[in-house]
Amino acid sequence: MGADIVVPDVAGWRRETMPDYPDAAYCDIPPDWVCEVLSPSTQRIDQNEKRTIYAREGVSHLWFVDPDTQTLEAFEISRGQWVLLTTLSDDAAVSLPPFEVITFPLDALWP
């Protein structure tokens, strides 16, 4: 991602984006989807600096999962800006881009 080195908590690439798994400790191909797990020590960086970098680099989907509030916010990029698709909480059914073909209960993420 250019001069910015960021490490998402979880990331995913479509096969078209990354047809071959790289044999390296890192890769410079921006992911198609990123999920950041928010914590008090990283929340500001995740929701500000990293979100800006992800938009600039063309990440299509961004999720913020907050274990403290047990919520998931899902965003999609549109004309270089993040658009909030939804905020889910409790035991809501999660079926969101880019994984809308599957469904799981949000509370499956919490111990």
N, C-alpha and C. Protein backbone atom coordinates (compact mmCIF):
# COMPACT_ATOMS: atom_id res chain seq x y z
N MET A 1 0.83 -1.17 0.00
CA MET A 1 0.00 0.00 0.00
C MET A 1 0.88 1.24 0.00
N GLY A 2 1.73 1.29 -0.99
CA GLY A 2 2.58 2.45 -1.11
C GLY A 2 3.56 2.56 0.04
N ALA A 3 3.81 3.79 0.46
CA ALA A 3 4.73 4.03 1.56
C ALA A 3 4.12 3.69 2.91
N ASP A 4 2.80 3.53 2.94
CA ASP A 4 2.12 3.19 4.18
C ASP A 4 2.15 1.68 4.38
N ILE A 5 2.62 1.27 5.54
CA ILE A 5 2.61 -0.15 5.87
C ILE A 5 1.55 -0.33 6.95
N VAL A 6 0.49 -1.03 6.59
CA VAL A 6 -0.58 -1.32 7.54
C VAL A 6 -0.81 -2.82 7.56
N VAL A 7 -1.21 -3.29 8.71
CA VAL A 7 -1.49 -4.72 8.89
C VAL A 7 -2.91 -4.85 9.40
N PRO A 8 -3.84 -5.28 8.53
CA PRO A 8 -5.21 -5.48 8.99
C PRO A 8 -5.28 -6.67 9.95
N ASP A 9 -6.31 -6.68 10.81
CA ASP A 9 -6.51 -7.83 11.68
C ASP A 9 -6.88 -9.06 10.87
N VAL A 10 -7.76 -8.89 9.90
CA VAL A 10 -8.16 -9.95 8.99
C VAL A 10 -8.33 -9.32 7.61
N ALA A 11 -7.92 -10.02 6.57
CA ALA A 11 -8.07 -9.49 5.21
C ALA A 11 -8.35 -10.63 4.26
N GLY A 12 -8.97 -10.28 3.13
CA GLY A 12 -9.28 -11.28 2.12
C GLY A 12 -9.14 -10.72 0.72
N TRP A 13 -8.69 -11.58 -0.19
CA TRP A 13 -8.51 -11.22 -1.59
C TRP A 13 -9.34 -12.15 -2.46
N ARG A 14 -10.00 -11.60 -3.46
CA ARG A 14 -10.67 -12.43 -4.46
C ARG A 14 -9.59 -13.12 -5.30
N ARG A 15 -9.92 -14.27 -5.83
CA ARG A 15 -8.95 -15.00 -6.64
C ARG A 15 -8.49 -14.17 -7.84
N GLU A 16 -9.40 -13.33 -8.37
CA GLU A 16 -9.03 -12.49 -9.51
C GLU A 16 -7.97 -11.46 -9.09
N THR A 17 -8.04 -11.01 -7.84
CA THR A 17 -7.08 -10.02 -7.34
C THR A 17 -5.74 -10.65 -7.04
N MET A 18 -5.76 -11.85 -6.45
CA MET A 18 -4.53 -12.55 -6.08
C MET A 18 -4.67 -14.01 -6.50
N PRO A 19 -4.39 -14.30 -7.78
CA PRO A 19 -4.57 -15.68 -8.26
C PRO A 19 -3.60 -16.68 -7.63
N ASP A 20 -2.43 -16.21 -7.24
CA ASP A 20 -1.44 -17.10 -6.63
C ASP A 20 -1.08 -16.58 -5.25
N TYR A 21 -1.05 -17.48 -4.29
CA TYR A 21 -0.68 -17.11 -2.93
C TYR A 21 0.80 -16.77 -2.91
N PRO A 22 1.14 -15.58 -2.41
CA PRO A 22 2.56 -15.18 -2.42
C PRO A 22 3.40 -15.98 -1.43
N ASP A 23 4.60 -16.27 -1.82
CA ASP A 23 5.55 -16.96 -0.95
C ASP A 23 6.44 -15.91 -0.30
N ALA A 24 5.81 -15.11 0.60
CA ALA A 24 6.52 -14.00 1.23
C ALA A 24 5.87 -13.70 2.58
N ALA A 25 6.56 -12.96 3.41
CA ALA A 25 6.03 -12.60 4.72
C ALA A 25 4.98 -11.50 4.63
N TYR A 26 4.90 -10.82 3.51
CA TYR A 26 3.93 -9.75 3.31
C TYR A 26 3.57 -9.68 1.83
N CYS A 27 2.58 -8.87 1.51
CA CYS A 27 2.24 -8.65 0.11
C CYS A 27 1.85 -7.19 -0.08
N ASP A 28 2.04 -6.69 -1.27
CA ASP A 28 1.71 -5.29 -1.54
C ASP A 28 0.47 -5.14 -2.41
N ILE A 29 -0.33 -6.21 -2.52
CA ILE A 29 -1.60 -6.14 -3.24
C ILE A 29 -2.69 -5.80 -2.22
N PRO A 30 -3.36 -4.67 -2.39
CA PRO A 30 -4.41 -4.31 -1.42
C PRO A 30 -5.51 -5.37 -1.38
N PRO A 31 -5.99 -5.71 -0.21
CA PRO A 31 -7.06 -6.70 -0.10
C PRO A 31 -8.39 -6.14 -0.63
N ASP A 32 -9.29 -7.05 -0.95
CA ASP A 32 -10.64 -6.67 -1.37
C ASP A 32 -11.53 -6.40 -0.15
N TRP A 33 -11.19 -7.05 0.97
CA TRP A 33 -11.97 -6.93 2.20
C TRP A 33 -11.03 -6.87 3.38
N VAL A 34 -11.35 -5.98 4.32
CA VAL A 34 -10.57 -5.87 5.55
C VAL A 34 -11.53 -5.86 6.73
N CYS A 35 -11.14 -6.53 7.81
CA CYS A 35 -11.88 -6.50 9.06
C CYS A 35 -10.92 -6.09 10.15
N GLU A 36 -11.27 -5.01 10.84
CA GLU A 36 -10.49 -4.55 11.98
C GLU A 36 -11.27 -4.85 13.26
N VAL A 37 -10.61 -5.50 14.20
CA VAL A 37 -11.20 -5.77 15.51
C VAL A 37 -10.79 -4.61 16.41
N LEU A 38 -11.77 -3.83 16.83
CA LEU A 38 -11.49 -2.61 17.58
C LEU A 38 -11.13 -2.93 19.02
N SER A 39 -10.16 -2.18 19.52
CA SER A 39 -9.78 -2.25 20.93
C SER A 39 -9.44 -0.83 21.36
N PRO A 40 -9.45 -0.57 22.66
CA PRO A 40 -9.13 0.79 23.12
C PRO A 40 -7.78 1.29 22.59
N SER A 41 -6.82 0.41 22.44
CA SER A 41 -5.49 0.85 22.02
C SER A 41 -5.37 1.05 20.51
N THR A 42 -6.29 0.49 19.70
CA THR A 42 -6.16 0.59 18.23
C THR A 42 -7.34 1.28 17.55
N GLN A 43 -8.42 1.53 18.26
CA GLN A 43 -9.64 2.02 17.64
C GLN A 43 -9.42 3.31 16.85
N ARG A 44 -8.74 4.28 17.41
CA ARG A 44 -8.53 5.56 16.72
C ARG A 44 -7.74 5.35 15.43
N ILE A 45 -6.71 4.56 15.47
CA ILE A 45 -5.90 4.29 14.28
C ILE A 45 -6.72 3.53 13.24
N ASP A 46 -7.46 2.49 13.67
CA ASP A 46 -8.26 1.69 12.74
C ASP A 46 -9.32 2.54 12.05
N GLN A 47 -10.02 3.37 12.81
CA GLN A 47 -11.16 4.10 12.26
C GLN A 47 -10.77 5.40 11.57
N ASN A 48 -9.54 5.81 11.68
CA ASN A 48 -9.11 7.04 11.04
C ASN A 48 -8.00 6.79 10.03
N GLU A 49 -6.77 6.65 10.49
CA GLU A 49 -5.64 6.52 9.59
C GLU A 49 -5.77 5.32 8.65
N LYS A 50 -6.04 4.15 9.21
CA LYS A 50 -6.12 2.95 8.37
C LYS A 50 -7.30 3.02 7.41
N ARG A 51 -8.45 3.51 7.88
CA ARG A 51 -9.63 3.62 7.01
C ARG A 51 -9.31 4.50 5.80
N THR A 52 -8.60 5.60 6.02
CA THR A 52 -8.22 6.50 4.93
C THR A 52 -7.30 5.81 3.94
N ILE A 53 -6.33 5.07 4.44
CA ILE A 53 -5.40 4.33 3.57
C ILE A 53 -6.16 3.27 2.77
N TYR A 54 -7.05 2.53 3.42
CA TYR A 54 -7.81 1.49 2.71
C TYR A 54 -8.63 2.09 1.57
N ALA A 55 -9.26 3.24 1.79
CA ALA A 55 -10.04 3.88 0.73
C ALA A 55 -9.13 4.30 -0.42
N ARG A 56 -8.03 4.92 -0.09
CA ARG A 56 -7.10 5.38 -1.12
C ARG A 56 -6.56 4.23 -1.96
N GLU A 57 -6.32 3.09 -1.33
CA GLU A 57 -5.72 1.95 -2.03
C GLU A 57 -6.73 1.05 -2.72
N GLY A 58 -8.03 1.35 -2.59
CA GLY A 58 -9.04 0.62 -3.34
C GLY A 58 -9.60 -0.62 -2.67
N VAL A 59 -9.49 -0.72 -1.35
CA VAL A 59 -10.15 -1.81 -0.64
C VAL A 59 -11.66 -1.61 -0.82
N SER A 60 -12.37 -2.66 -1.19
CA SER A 60 -13.80 -2.52 -1.51
C SER A 60 -14.72 -2.58 -0.31
N HIS A 61 -14.37 -3.40 0.68
CA HIS A 61 -15.23 -3.61 1.84
C HIS A 61 -14.42 -3.52 3.12
N LEU A 62 -15.01 -2.89 4.12
CA LEU A 62 -14.36 -2.71 5.41
C LEU A 62 -15.35 -2.99 6.51
N TRP A 63 -14.96 -3.85 7.43
CA TRP A 63 -15.79 -4.16 8.60
C TRP A 63 -15.02 -3.74 9.85
N PHE A 64 -15.77 -3.17 10.80
CA PHE A 64 -15.24 -2.93 12.14
C PHE A 64 -16.03 -3.80 13.10
N VAL A 65 -15.33 -4.66 13.80
CA VAL A 65 -15.94 -5.53 14.81
C VAL A 65 -15.50 -5.00 16.17
N ASP A 66 -16.47 -4.73 17.03
CA ASP A 66 -16.18 -4.20 18.36
C ASP A 66 -16.61 -5.20 19.41
N PRO A 67 -15.67 -5.93 20.01
CA PRO A 67 -16.03 -6.92 21.02
C PRO A 67 -16.66 -6.31 22.27
N ASP A 68 -16.29 -5.07 22.62
CA ASP A 68 -16.85 -4.45 23.82
C ASP A 68 -18.34 -4.16 23.67
N THR A 69 -18.74 -3.62 22.53
CA THR A 69 -20.16 -3.32 22.29
C THR A 69 -20.87 -4.43 21.55
N GLN A 70 -20.11 -5.44 21.15
CA GLN A 70 -20.63 -6.59 20.40
C GLN A 70 -21.41 -6.13 19.16
N THR A 71 -20.72 -5.30 18.37
CA THR A 71 -21.32 -4.78 17.14
C THR A 71 -20.39 -5.01 15.95
N LEU A 72 -20.99 -4.95 14.78
CA LEU A 72 -20.26 -5.02 13.53
C LEU A 72 -20.77 -3.89 12.65
N GLU A 73 -19.87 -3.05 12.16
CA GLU A 73 -20.20 -2.02 11.19
C GLU A 73 -19.60 -2.44 9.86
N ALA A 74 -20.41 -2.43 8.81
CA ALA A 74 -19.94 -2.83 7.48
C ALA A 74 -20.01 -1.63 6.54
N PHE A 75 -18.92 -1.39 5.83
CA PHE A 75 -18.81 -0.29 4.88
C PHE A 75 -18.46 -0.82 3.50
N GLU A 76 -18.85 -0.05 2.49
CA GLU A 76 -18.49 -0.34 1.10
C GLU A 76 -17.97 0.96 0.50
N ILE A 77 -16.97 0.84 -0.36
CA ILE A 77 -16.40 2.05 -0.96
C ILE A 77 -17.26 2.48 -2.15
N SER A 78 -17.50 3.77 -2.26
CA SER A 78 -18.24 4.33 -3.38
C SER A 78 -17.62 5.68 -3.73
N ARG A 79 -17.05 5.78 -4.92
CA ARG A 79 -16.39 7.01 -5.38
C ARG A 79 -15.33 7.49 -4.38
N GLY A 80 -14.59 6.54 -3.85
CA GLY A 80 -13.50 6.86 -2.94
C GLY A 80 -13.90 7.18 -1.52
N GLN A 81 -15.20 7.04 -1.21
CA GLN A 81 -15.70 7.34 0.13
C GLN A 81 -16.35 6.09 0.73
N TRP A 82 -16.20 5.93 2.03
CA TRP A 82 -16.84 4.80 2.71
C TRP A 82 -18.31 5.11 2.94
N VAL A 83 -19.15 4.15 2.59
CA VAL A 83 -20.59 4.25 2.81
C VAL A 83 -20.98 3.17 3.81
N LEU A 84 -21.62 3.56 4.90
CA LEU A 84 -22.06 2.59 5.90
C LEU A 84 -23.20 1.77 5.34
N LEU A 85 -23.03 0.45 5.27
CA LEU A 85 -24.09 -0.43 4.81
C LEU A 85 -25.05 -0.76 5.94
N THR A 86 -24.49 -1.09 7.10
CA THR A 86 -25.32 -1.45 8.25
C THR A 86 -24.47 -1.53 9.50
N THR A 87 -25.15 -1.44 10.63
CA THR A 87 -24.55 -1.74 11.92
C THR A 87 -25.38 -2.85 12.54
N LEU A 88 -24.72 -3.93 12.91
CA LEU A 88 -25.41 -5.09 13.49
C LEU A 88 -24.98 -5.26 14.93
N SER A 89 -25.88 -5.83 15.74
CA SER A 89 -25.56 -6.10 17.14
C SER A 89 -26.31 -7.33 17.61
N ASP A 90 -26.00 -7.73 18.84
CA ASP A 90 -26.65 -8.86 19.49
C ASP A 90 -26.48 -10.13 18.67
N ASP A 91 -27.59 -10.80 18.36
CA ASP A 91 -27.51 -12.06 17.61
C ASP A 91 -27.97 -11.88 16.17
N ALA A 92 -27.83 -10.67 15.62
CA ALA A 92 -28.26 -10.38 14.25
C ALA A 92 -27.62 -11.35 13.27
N ALA A 93 -28.35 -11.65 12.22
CA ALA A 93 -27.82 -12.49 11.15
C ALA A 93 -26.87 -11.67 10.29
N VAL A 94 -25.66 -12.16 10.13
CA VAL A 94 -24.66 -11.48 9.31
C VAL A 94 -24.64 -12.14 7.94
N SER A 95 -24.98 -11.37 6.93
CA SER A 95 -24.92 -11.81 5.54
C SER A 95 -24.62 -10.56 4.72
N LEU A 96 -23.34 -10.21 4.69
CA LEU A 96 -22.91 -8.93 4.14
C LEU A 96 -21.86 -9.09 3.06
N PRO A 97 -21.82 -8.14 2.13
CA PRO A 97 -20.76 -8.16 1.12
C PRO A 97 -19.40 -8.07 1.80
N PRO A 98 -18.44 -8.77 1.31
CA PRO A 98 -18.46 -9.59 0.11
C PRO A 98 -18.81 -11.06 0.37
N PHE A 99 -19.39 -11.35 1.54
CA PHE A 99 -19.71 -12.73 1.92
C PHE A 99 -21.21 -12.96 2.03
N GLU A 100 -21.99 -12.29 1.22
CA GLU A 100 -23.44 -12.36 1.34
C GLU A 100 -24.03 -13.73 1.02
N VAL A 101 -23.24 -14.64 0.47
CA VAL A 101 -23.76 -15.98 0.18
C VAL A 101 -23.80 -16.86 1.42
N ILE A 102 -23.20 -16.40 2.51
CA ILE A 102 -23.26 -17.15 3.76
C ILE A 102 -23.93 -16.29 4.83
N THR A 103 -24.44 -16.94 5.85
CA THR A 103 -25.05 -16.24 6.97
C THR A 103 -24.56 -16.89 8.26
N PHE A 104 -24.25 -16.04 9.24
CA PHE A 104 -23.90 -16.54 10.56
C PHE A 104 -24.42 -15.56 11.59
N PRO A 105 -24.70 -16.03 12.81
CA PRO A 105 -25.17 -15.11 13.85
C PRO A 105 -23.99 -14.32 14.42
N LEU A 106 -24.18 -13.02 14.57
CA LEU A 106 -23.11 -12.17 15.07
C LEU A 106 -22.59 -12.64 16.42
N ASP A 107 -23.48 -13.13 17.27
CA ASP A 107 -23.01 -13.54 18.60
C ASP A 107 -22.12 -14.78 18.56
N ALA A 108 -21.94 -15.39 17.40
CA ALA A 108 -20.98 -16.48 17.27
C ALA A 108 -19.55 -15.98 17.41
N LEU A 109 -19.35 -14.66 17.28
CA LEU A 109 -18.01 -14.08 17.41
C LEU A 109 -17.59 -13.85 18.85
N TRP A 110 -18.54 -13.86 19.77
CA TRP A 110 -18.23 -13.55 21.16
C TRP A 110 -18.15 -14.82 21.99
N PRO A 111 -17.19 -14.89 22.91
CA PRO A 111 -17.07 -16.10 23.73
C PRO A 111 -18.24 -16.29 24.68
